[in-house]
């Protein structure tokens, strides 16, 4: 299984703004999102072993 990671910089500017409003911050540096060190979300992707 592989993981597909979504980072803050992957979001459109409007989505970044809405996310920051939702968590109560005004600057991505407050959550260290400006460095993209940790993903905001990780989705597992199953690998088809037969291919």
C-alpha atoms as a PDB file:
ATOM      1  CA  UNK A   1       0.000   0.000   0.000  1.00  0.00           C
ATOM      2  CA  UNK A   2       1.226   3.467  -0.849  1.00  0.00           C
ATOM      3  CA  UNK A   3       0.203   6.778   0.659  1.00  0.00           C
ATOM      4  CA  UNK A   4      -0.942   9.880  -1.181  1.00  0.00           C
ATOM      5  CA  UNK A   5      -0.075  12.948   0.903  1.00  0.00           C
ATOM      6  CA  UNK A   6      -1.743  16.347   0.660  1.00  0.00           C
ATOM      7  CA  UNK A   7       0.239  19.341   1.855  1.00  0.00           C
ATOM      8  CA  UNK A   8      -0.825  22.923   2.568  1.00  0.00           C
ATOM      9  CA  UNK A   9       0.929  24.144  -0.579  1.00  0.00           C
ATOM     10  CA  UNK A  10      -1.132  21.685  -2.660  1.00  0.00           C
ATOM     11  CA  UNK A  11      -4.286  23.646  -1.812  1.00  0.00           C
ATOM     12  CA  UNK A  12      -5.503  26.579  -3.863  1.00  0.00           C
ATOM     13  CA  UNK A  13      -5.126  29.971  -2.203  1.00  0.00           C
ATOM     14  CA  UNK A  14      -8.844  30.171  -1.393  1.00  0.00           C
ATOM     15  CA  UNK A  15      -8.768  26.731   0.255  1.00  0.00           C
ATOM     16  CA  UNK A  16      -5.679  27.710   2.245  1.00  0.00           C
ATOM     17  CA  UNK A  17      -7.478  30.813   3.508  1.00  0.00           C
ATOM     18  CA  UNK A  18     -10.610  28.846   4.454  1.00  0.00           C
ATOM     19  CA  UNK A  19      -8.566  26.215   6.282  1.00  0.00           C
ATOM     20  CA  UNK A  20      -6.658  28.861   8.237  1.00  0.00           C
ATOM     21  CA  UNK A  21      -9.953  30.544   9.195  1.00  0.00           C
ATOM     22  CA  UNK A  22     -11.394  27.194  10.298  1.00  0.00           C
ATOM     23  CA  UNK A  23      -8.499  26.524  12.674  1.00  0.00           C
ATOM     24  CA  UNK A  24      -8.309  30.135  13.867  1.00  0.00           C
ATOM     25  CA  UNK A  25      -4.966  31.262  12.458  1.00  0.00           C
ATOM     26  CA  UNK A  26      -3.989  34.052  10.074  1.00  0.00           C
ATOM     27  CA  UNK A  27      -0.575  32.826   8.935  1.00  0.00           C
ATOM     28  CA  UNK A  28       0.449  29.280   7.896  1.00  0.00           C
ATOM     29  CA  UNK A  29       3.661  29.704   9.919  1.00  0.00           C
ATOM     30  CA  UNK A  30       1.564  29.439  13.079  1.00  0.00           C
ATOM     31  CA  UNK A  31       1.053  25.726  12.279  1.00  0.00           C
ATOM     32  CA  UNK A  32       4.384  25.215  10.445  1.00  0.00           C
ATOM     33  CA  UNK A  33       2.411  24.637   7.250  1.00  0.00           C
ATOM     34  CA  UNK A  34       4.751  26.939   5.326  1.00  0.00           C
ATOM     35  CA  UNK A  35       7.448  24.231   5.322  1.00  0.00           C
ATOM     36  CA  UNK A  36       5.254  21.300   4.175  1.00  0.00           C
ATOM     37  CA  UNK A  37       7.013  19.045   6.697  1.00  0.00           C
ATOM     38  CA  UNK A  38       3.913  17.042   7.568  1.00  0.00           C
ATOM     39  CA  UNK A  39       0.944  16.342   5.319  1.00  0.00           C
ATOM     40  CA  UNK A  40      -2.488  17.745   6.160  1.00  0.00           C
ATOM     41  CA  UNK A  41      -4.023  14.465   5.038  1.00  0.00           C
ATOM     42  CA  UNK A  42      -2.789  11.041   3.975  1.00  0.00           C
ATOM     43  CA  UNK A  43      -4.839   8.684   1.836  1.00  0.00           C
ATOM     44  CA  UNK A  44      -3.793   5.059   1.517  1.00  0.00           C
ATOM     45  CA  UNK A  45      -3.725   3.748  -2.040  1.00  0.00           C
ATOM     46  CA  UNK A  46      -3.888  -0.019  -2.415  1.00  0.00           C
ATOM     47  CA  UNK A  47      -1.361  -1.510  -4.815  1.00  0.00           C
ATOM     48  CA  UNK A  48      -2.619  -4.117  -7.242  1.00  0.00           C
ATOM     49  CA  UNK A  49      -0.064  -6.918  -6.894  1.00  0.00           C
ATOM     50  CA  UNK A  50      -1.260  -8.603 -10.120  1.00  0.00           C
ATOM     51  CA  UNK A  51       0.000  -5.842 -12.431  1.00  0.00           C
END
